Amino acid sequence: MREILFMKPIFKSMIWGGNRLRTEFNYKITDDNIGECWAISAHQNGDCIIKTGAYKGKTLSYLWKNHPRLFGNRTEKAFPLLIKLIDAKKDLSIQVHPDDTYADSYQPGSYGKTECWYILGCDENTEIVIGHNAKDKNELRDMINEGRWKELIRRRPIKKGDFFQITPGTVHAIKAGTMILETQQSSDITFRLYDYDRLDNGKPRQLHIKESIDVINCPHRDVLIEPRIIKSSEGTIAELIRDKHYTVQKIDISGTMTLEQDKDFMNFSVIEGEGEIDKTKISKGDHFILPYKYGQFSLTGRMSLIVSYIDKDI
């Protein structure tokens, strides 16, 4: 159980994608329209391969199915989380995600999509879309049918280091010039509400108006984020959110920090700097899982990491 599971990321070309995953994370990719890096994923639309060690060449879904002890013998039908990096060179569509119940009825066997965003970087005066101004479903339907998007959509300014929780039913969109790390349920269901009348290969992308109206929460309510900070002489741990689907932390370290892996599994993404975990070198752009009963581990260096796990106590 002392095996560190290093992931080989999967890259997705998007009409709104850019090249910052190459220029800022040094991934060896040539496409200038890469919008997403699926960094830790066992989803059928992007199943990461283990890069090194005893399980080299195996997919994460294979390990989940055939070596459940690595994940504390959890009972979910599939690996429950998905970690992404997103580079938005252009605006993403305005969209909404379903909860577990609606997702299963829409695409049997699928999870809903609760997600959260850590802002890795953004251009000056960048905004994101979170929420809407309709007071009820009738007004929502009218505003959509009449194309009153500026009146409907709520925008808010962002800066590097901001964090947002996007619950199912929340209207949202990442805007141009933004890079984020997204922690989410392992789901690929997105209902596209509005796409700025863009064309993809000469055709408009599919919209999901009925499904969007079905799942959008009315009225919108923001999720209050209150990070809990744990400081030490070696660095800082900020608990960004503790939710039934995931707990997400940011670790900033300068020196050596000794921690305990006492969860079913823990996901790690290095978002800045470099160093070591238990004498294995790691640097910006590395993603890995510490499996069940890994126990005590040491992080050394000058770096920042985003960590996620599922808390049994929620």
Protein backbone atom coordinates (compact mmCIF):
# COMPACT_ATOMS: atom_id res chain seq x y z
CA MET A 1 0.00 0.00 0.00
CA ARG A 2 3.07 2.29 -0.10
CA GLU A 3 2.70 2.60 -3.88
CA ILE A 4 2.24 6.14 -5.21
CA LEU A 5 -0.09 6.08 -8.21
CA PHE A 6 1.19 8.68 -10.71
CA MET A 7 -1.27 9.53 -13.49
CA LYS A 8 -0.68 10.11 -17.19
CA PRO A 9 -3.01 13.03 -18.01
CA ILE A 10 -5.49 13.02 -20.90
CA PHE A 11 -5.89 16.17 -23.01
CA LYS A 12 -9.06 17.39 -24.69
CA SER A 13 -9.15 19.78 -27.65
CA MET A 14 -11.95 22.38 -27.37
CA ILE A 15 -13.08 25.29 -29.54
CA TRP A 16 -12.46 27.56 -26.55
CA GLY A 17 -9.10 26.01 -25.52
CA GLY A 18 -5.61 27.49 -25.66
CA ASN A 19 -1.94 26.59 -25.18
CA ARG A 20 -1.29 27.50 -21.54
CA LEU A 21 -1.25 23.88 -20.44
CA ARG A 22 1.86 23.58 -22.60
CA THR A 23 3.46 26.94 -21.83
CA GLU A 24 2.72 27.03 -18.09
CA PHE A 25 2.60 23.35 -17.13
CA ASN A 26 5.19 22.09 -19.65
CA TYR A 27 3.00 19.27 -20.93
CA LYS A 28 4.28 17.87 -24.21
CA ILE A 29 1.29 18.75 -26.36
CA THR A 30 1.24 20.40 -29.79
CA ASP A 31 -2.45 21.30 -30.19
CA ASP A 32 -3.08 25.01 -29.58
CA ASN A 33 -6.71 24.42 -28.61
CA ILE A 34 -6.33 22.18 -25.56
CA GLY A 35 -9.07 23.18 -23.14
CA GLU A 36 -8.96 20.40 -20.58
CA CYS A 37 -6.41 18.16 -18.91
CA TRP A 38 -8.12 15.21 -17.25
CA ALA A 39 -5.47 14.78 -14.59
CA ILE A 40 -7.00 12.10 -12.33
CA SER A 41 -9.85 10.27 -13.99
CA ALA A 42 -11.35 6.82 -14.36
CA HIS A 43 -14.29 8.04 -16.47
CA GLN A 44 -14.98 6.14 -19.68
CA ASN A 45 -14.46 9.34 -21.67
CA GLY A 46 -10.96 9.76 -20.27
CA ASP A 47 -9.40 6.93 -18.26
CA CYS A 48 -5.92 7.79 -16.92
CA ILE A 49 -3.06 5.31 -17.13
CA ILE A 50 -0.64 4.74 -14.24
CA LYS A 51 2.82 5.96 -15.29
CA THR A 52 5.18 4.12 -12.96
CA GLY A 53 5.54 1.38 -10.38
CA ALA A 54 3.83 -1.96 -9.88
CA TYR A 55 0.68 -0.89 -11.74
CA LYS A 56 2.39 0.82 -14.68
CA GLY A 57 0.24 0.67 -17.81
CA LYS A 58 -3.00 -0.11 -15.96
CA THR A 59 -5.92 2.30 -16.11
CA LEU A 60 -7.37 3.87 -12.99
CA SER A 61 -10.73 2.19 -13.74
CA TYR A 62 -8.96 -1.18 -13.88
CA LEU A 63 -7.44 -0.61 -10.45
CA TRP A 64 -10.80 0.50 -9.05
CA LYS A 65 -12.45 -2.70 -10.29
CA ASN A 66 -9.67 -5.22 -9.72
CA HIS A 67 -7.74 -3.81 -6.75
CA PRO A 68 -10.45 -2.20 -4.58
CA ARG A 69 -8.25 -2.45 -1.49
CA LEU A 70 -6.19 0.44 -2.94
CA PHE A 71 -9.23 2.66 -2.35
CA GLY A 72 -10.43 1.30 0.98
CA ASN A 73 -12.87 -1.15 -0.65
CA ARG A 74 -15.31 1.66 -1.33
CA THR A 75 -18.71 0.60 -2.66
CA GLU A 76 -19.32 3.17 -5.44
CA LYS A 77 -19.79 1.65 -8.88
CA ALA A 78 -16.91 3.73 -10.27
CA PHE A 79 -14.06 5.91 -9.05
CA PRO A 80 -16.10 8.84 -7.70
CA LEU A 81 -13.93 11.90 -8.43
CA LEU A 82 -12.41 13.58 -11.47
CA ILE A 83 -9.67 16.22 -11.35
CA LYS A 84 -9.20 18.60 -14.29
CA LEU A 85 -7.10 21.55 -15.34
CA ILE A 86 -9.02 23.94 -17.61
CA ASP A 87 -7.53 26.59 -19.90
CA ALA A 88 -10.18 28.93 -21.27
CA LYS A 89 -8.71 31.02 -24.06
CA LYS A 90 -12.28 31.91 -25.05
CA ASP A 91 -15.57 31.91 -23.12
CA LEU A 92 -17.06 28.52 -22.28
CA SER A 93 -20.76 28.01 -22.91
CA ILE A 94 -23.22 29.01 -20.21
CA GLN A 95 -24.24 25.71 -18.70
CA VAL A 96 -25.69 23.77 -15.79
CA HIS A 97 -25.19 20.30 -14.34
CA PRO A 98 -27.74 17.83 -12.92
CA ASP A 99 -27.77 16.14 -9.51
CA ASP A 100 -27.38 12.38 -9.07
CA THR A 101 -31.10 11.62 -9.43
CA TYR A 102 -31.61 13.56 -12.67
CA ALA A 103 -28.29 12.33 -14.13
CA ASP A 104 -29.25 8.70 -13.54
CA SER A 105 -32.63 9.21 -15.21
CA TYR A 106 -31.02 11.04 -18.15
CA GLN A 107 -28.07 8.67 -18.59
CA PRO A 108 -28.56 5.54 -16.46
CA GLY A 109 -25.62 4.74 -14.22
CA SER A 110 -24.16 8.27 -14.35
CA TYR A 111 -23.26 10.46 -11.41
CA GLY A 112 -24.52 14.01 -11.14
CA LYS A 113 -21.95 16.77 -11.23
CA THR A 114 -21.08 18.73 -8.15
CA GLU A 115 -17.83 20.58 -8.81
CA CYS A 116 -15.55 23.27 -7.42
CA TRP A 117 -13.03 25.63 -8.98
CA TYR A 118 -9.67 26.85 -7.73
CA ILE A 119 -8.55 29.83 -9.86
CA LEU A 120 -4.96 29.09 -10.95
CA GLY A 121 -4.67 32.35 -12.87
CA CYS A 122 -6.68 34.84 -14.87
CA ASP A 123 -6.26 37.91 -17.04
CA GLU A 124 -6.87 41.32 -15.53
CA ASN A 125 -10.54 42.24 -15.07
CA THR A 126 -11.68 38.68 -15.80
CA GLU A 127 -15.13 37.53 -14.66
CA ILE A 128 -16.96 34.24 -14.30
CA VAL A 129 -20.65 33.46 -14.54
CA ILE A 130 -22.25 32.04 -11.40
CA GLY A 131 -26.00 32.22 -10.92
CA HIS A 132 -28.96 33.96 -12.54
CA ASN A 133 -31.56 36.62 -11.76
CA ALA A 134 -34.84 34.81 -12.47
CA LYS A 135 -37.11 34.64 -9.44
CA ASP A 136 -38.89 31.44 -10.52
CA LYS A 137 -39.11 28.87 -13.33
CA ASN A 138 -41.68 30.87 -15.29
CA GLU A 139 -39.49 33.95 -15.39
CA LEU A 140 -36.46 31.79 -16.16
CA ARG A 141 -38.26 30.21 -19.13
CA ASP A 142 -39.39 33.60 -20.43
CA MET A 143 -35.91 35.14 -20.19
CA ILE A 144 -34.35 32.17 -21.99
CA ASN A 145 -36.98 32.08 -24.74
CA GLU A 146 -36.62 35.83 -25.30
CA GLY A 147 -32.80 35.69 -25.33
CA ARG A 148 -32.44 38.13 -22.43
CA TRP A 149 -29.01 36.75 -21.51
CA LYS A 150 -27.44 39.95 -20.15
CA GLU A 151 -30.42 40.42 -17.85
CA LEU A 152 -30.49 36.77 -16.79
CA ILE A 153 -26.85 35.95 -16.10
CA ARG A 154 -24.91 36.94 -12.97
CA ARG A 155 -21.23 37.77 -13.41
CA ARG A 156 -18.59 38.33 -10.76
CA PRO A 157 -14.93 39.39 -10.87
CA ILE A 158 -12.23 36.87 -10.02
CA LYS A 159 -8.56 36.80 -9.09
CA LYS A 160 -5.90 34.14 -8.68
CA GLY A 161 -6.53 32.02 -5.59
CA ASP A 162 -10.31 32.42 -5.56
CA PHE A 163 -12.38 29.30 -4.90
CA PHE A 164 -15.98 28.53 -5.86
CA GLN A 165 -18.36 25.66 -5.21
CA ILE A 166 -20.70 24.89 -8.14
CA THR A 167 -23.63 22.80 -6.93
CA PRO A 168 -25.97 20.97 -9.35
CA GLY A 169 -28.57 23.35 -10.74
CA THR A 170 -26.19 26.35 -10.72
CA VAL A 171 -25.91 28.33 -13.95
CA HIS A 172 -22.21 28.90 -14.57
CA ALA A 173 -19.49 29.57 -17.13
CA ILE A 174 -15.74 30.07 -17.15
CA LYS A 175 -14.80 33.17 -19.12
CA ALA A 176 -11.86 33.83 -21.46
CA GLY A 177 -8.43 34.24 -19.90
CA THR A 178 -9.02 31.91 -16.96
CA MET A 179 -7.18 28.78 -15.79
CA ILE A 180 -8.67 26.62 -13.07
CA LEU A 181 -8.23 23.36 -11.26
CA GLU A 182 -11.59 21.64 -11.03
CA THR A 183 -12.48 18.94 -8.54
CA GLN A 184 -15.75 17.23 -9.43
CA GLN A 185 -17.84 14.12 -9.26
CA SER A 186 -16.82 11.71 -12.00
CA SER A 187 -19.43 12.82 -14.51
CA ASP A 188 -19.36 14.15 -18.06
CA ILE A 189 -22.96 15.40 -18.23
CA THR A 190 -23.26 19.08 -19.13
CA PHE A 191 -26.43 20.84 -20.21
CA ARG A 192 -25.54 23.74 -22.49
CA LEU A 193 -27.90 26.69 -22.00
CA TYR A 194 -26.31 29.29 -24.29
CA ASP A 195 -23.22 29.23 -26.52
CA TYR A 196 -23.03 32.81 -27.89
CA ASP A 197 -24.31 31.52 -31.27
CA ARG A 198 -20.86 30.05 -32.01
CA LEU A 199 -20.22 27.57 -34.79
CA ASP A 200 -18.17 24.38 -34.48
CA ASN A 201 -17.23 22.97 -37.90
CA GLY A 202 -19.82 25.27 -39.42
CA LYS A 203 -22.67 24.19 -37.16
CA PRO A 204 -24.03 25.47 -33.83
CA ARG A 205 -23.20 23.25 -30.89
CA GLN A 206 -26.08 21.36 -29.33
CA LEU A 207 -28.10 23.17 -26.68
CA HIS A 208 -30.10 21.49 -23.90
CA ILE A 209 -32.81 24.04 -23.12
CA LYS A 210 -35.43 21.67 -21.71
CA GLU A 211 -32.95 19.82 -19.52
CA SER A 212 -31.39 23.09 -18.33
CA ILE A 213 -34.76 24.51 -17.28
CA ASP A 214 -35.55 21.21 -15.56
CA VAL A 215 -32.48 21.34 -13.30
CA ILE A 216 -31.73 25.05 -12.76
CA ASN A 217 -32.33 26.12 -9.17
CA CYS A 218 -34.79 29.00 -8.83
CA PRO A 219 -34.07 31.35 -7.26
CA HIS A 220 -30.28 31.10 -7.32
CA ARG A 221 -28.44 30.93 -3.99
CA ASP A 222 -24.69 31.41 -3.67
CA VAL A 223 -22.64 28.87 -1.69
CA LEU A 224 -20.77 30.55 1.14
CA ILE A 225 -17.11 29.51 1.22
CA GLU A 226 -15.28 29.80 4.55
CA PRO A 227 -11.81 28.24 4.28
CA ARG A 228 -10.29 26.87 7.47
CA ILE A 229 -6.57 27.64 7.77
CA ILE A 230 -4.09 25.36 9.51
CA LYS A 231 -0.66 26.97 9.83
CA SER A 232 2.65 25.47 10.76
CA SER A 233 6.31 26.48 10.58
CA GLU A 234 6.66 24.38 7.40
CA GLY A 235 3.73 25.88 5.52
CA THR A 236 -0.01 26.26 5.40
CA ILE A 237 -2.95 23.95 4.83
CA ALA A 238 -6.21 25.62 3.83
CA GLU A 239 -9.35 23.49 3.88
CA LEU A 240 -11.27 25.11 1.01
CA ILE A 241 -14.45 23.06 1.29
CA ARG A 242 -15.81 20.04 3.14
CA ASP A 243 -18.71 18.54 1.23
CA LYS A 244 -20.29 15.08 1.12
CA HIS A 245 -18.77 14.55 -2.34
CA TYR A 246 -15.24 15.75 -1.54
CA THR A 247 -13.04 17.67 0.83
CA VAL A 248 -10.56 19.95 -0.96
CA GLN A 249 -7.42 21.44 0.58
CA LYS A 250 -4.57 23.63 -0.64
CA ILE A 251 -1.13 22.95 0.77
CA ASP A 252 1.60 25.61 0.53
CA ILE A 253 4.93 24.30 1.68
CA SER A 254 8.40 25.73 2.15
CA GLY A 255 10.57 23.14 3.83
CA THR A 256 9.38 19.73 4.99
CA MET A 257 5.89 18.84 6.14
CA THR A 258 4.94 15.44 7.55
CA LEU A 259 1.32 14.40 7.15
CA GLU A 260 -0.88 11.33 7.49
CA GLN A 261 -2.80 9.60 4.71
CA ASP A 262 -5.62 8.10 6.77
CA LYS A 263 -8.39 8.36 4.12
CA ASP A 264 -9.65 5.76 1.65
CA PHE A 265 -7.51 7.56 -0.94
CA MET A 266 -6.12 11.07 -1.50
CA ASN A 267 -5.69 12.89 -4.83
CA PHE A 268 -2.78 15.32 -5.24
CA SER A 269 -2.05 17.90 -7.95
CA VAL A 270 1.11 20.02 -7.90
CA ILE A 271 0.08 23.50 -9.11
CA GLU A 272 3.26 25.44 -8.36
CA GLY A 273 6.92 24.73 -7.65
CA GLU A 274 8.75 21.48 -7.10
CA GLY A 275 9.96 19.18 -4.40
CA GLU A 276 9.62 15.60 -3.23
CA ILE A 277 7.12 13.22 -1.71
CA ASP A 278 8.89 10.52 0.29
CA LYS A 279 12.08 11.19 -1.72
CA THR A 280 10.31 10.89 -5.08
CA LYS A 281 10.65 14.08 -7.13
CA ILE A 282 7.47 15.94 -8.03
CA SER A 283 6.87 19.24 -9.82
CA LYS A 284 4.17 21.48 -11.26
CA GLY A 285 1.82 19.42 -13.42
CA ASP A 286 2.25 16.13 -11.58
CA HIS A 287 -0.89 14.34 -10.36
CA PHE A 288 -0.99 11.27 -8.15
CA ILE A 289 -3.03 9.25 -5.67
CA LEU A 290 -1.91 7.98 -2.28
CA PRO A 291 -3.89 4.76 -1.71
CA TYR A 292 -5.60 3.37 1.37
CA LYS A 293 -3.42 2.88 4.45
CA TYR A 294 -0.47 4.64 2.86
CA GLY A 295 0.17 6.14 6.27
CA GLN A 296 2.64 8.88 7.11
CA PHE A 297 4.31 10.77 4.30
CA SER A 298 6.63 13.73 3.88
CA LEU A 299 6.47 16.62 1.45
CA THR A 300 9.69 18.58 0.94
CA GLY A 301 10.36 21.62 -1.22
CA ARG A 302 8.78 24.91 -2.21
CA MET A 303 5.47 24.11 -3.84
CA SER A 304 1.69 24.32 -3.75
CA LEU A 305 -0.66 21.36 -4.09
CA ILE A 306 -4.41 20.83 -4.30
CA VAL A 307 -5.55 17.74 -2.39
CA SER A 308 -8.93 16.03 -2.41
CA TYR A 309 -10.50 13.08 -0.63
CA ILE A 310 -13.90 11.82 0.50
CA ASP A 311 -14.62 12.30 4.19
CA LYS A 312 -16.50 9.36 5.70
CA ASP A 313 -17.83 11.52 8.52
CA ILE A 314 -20.08 13.69 6.32
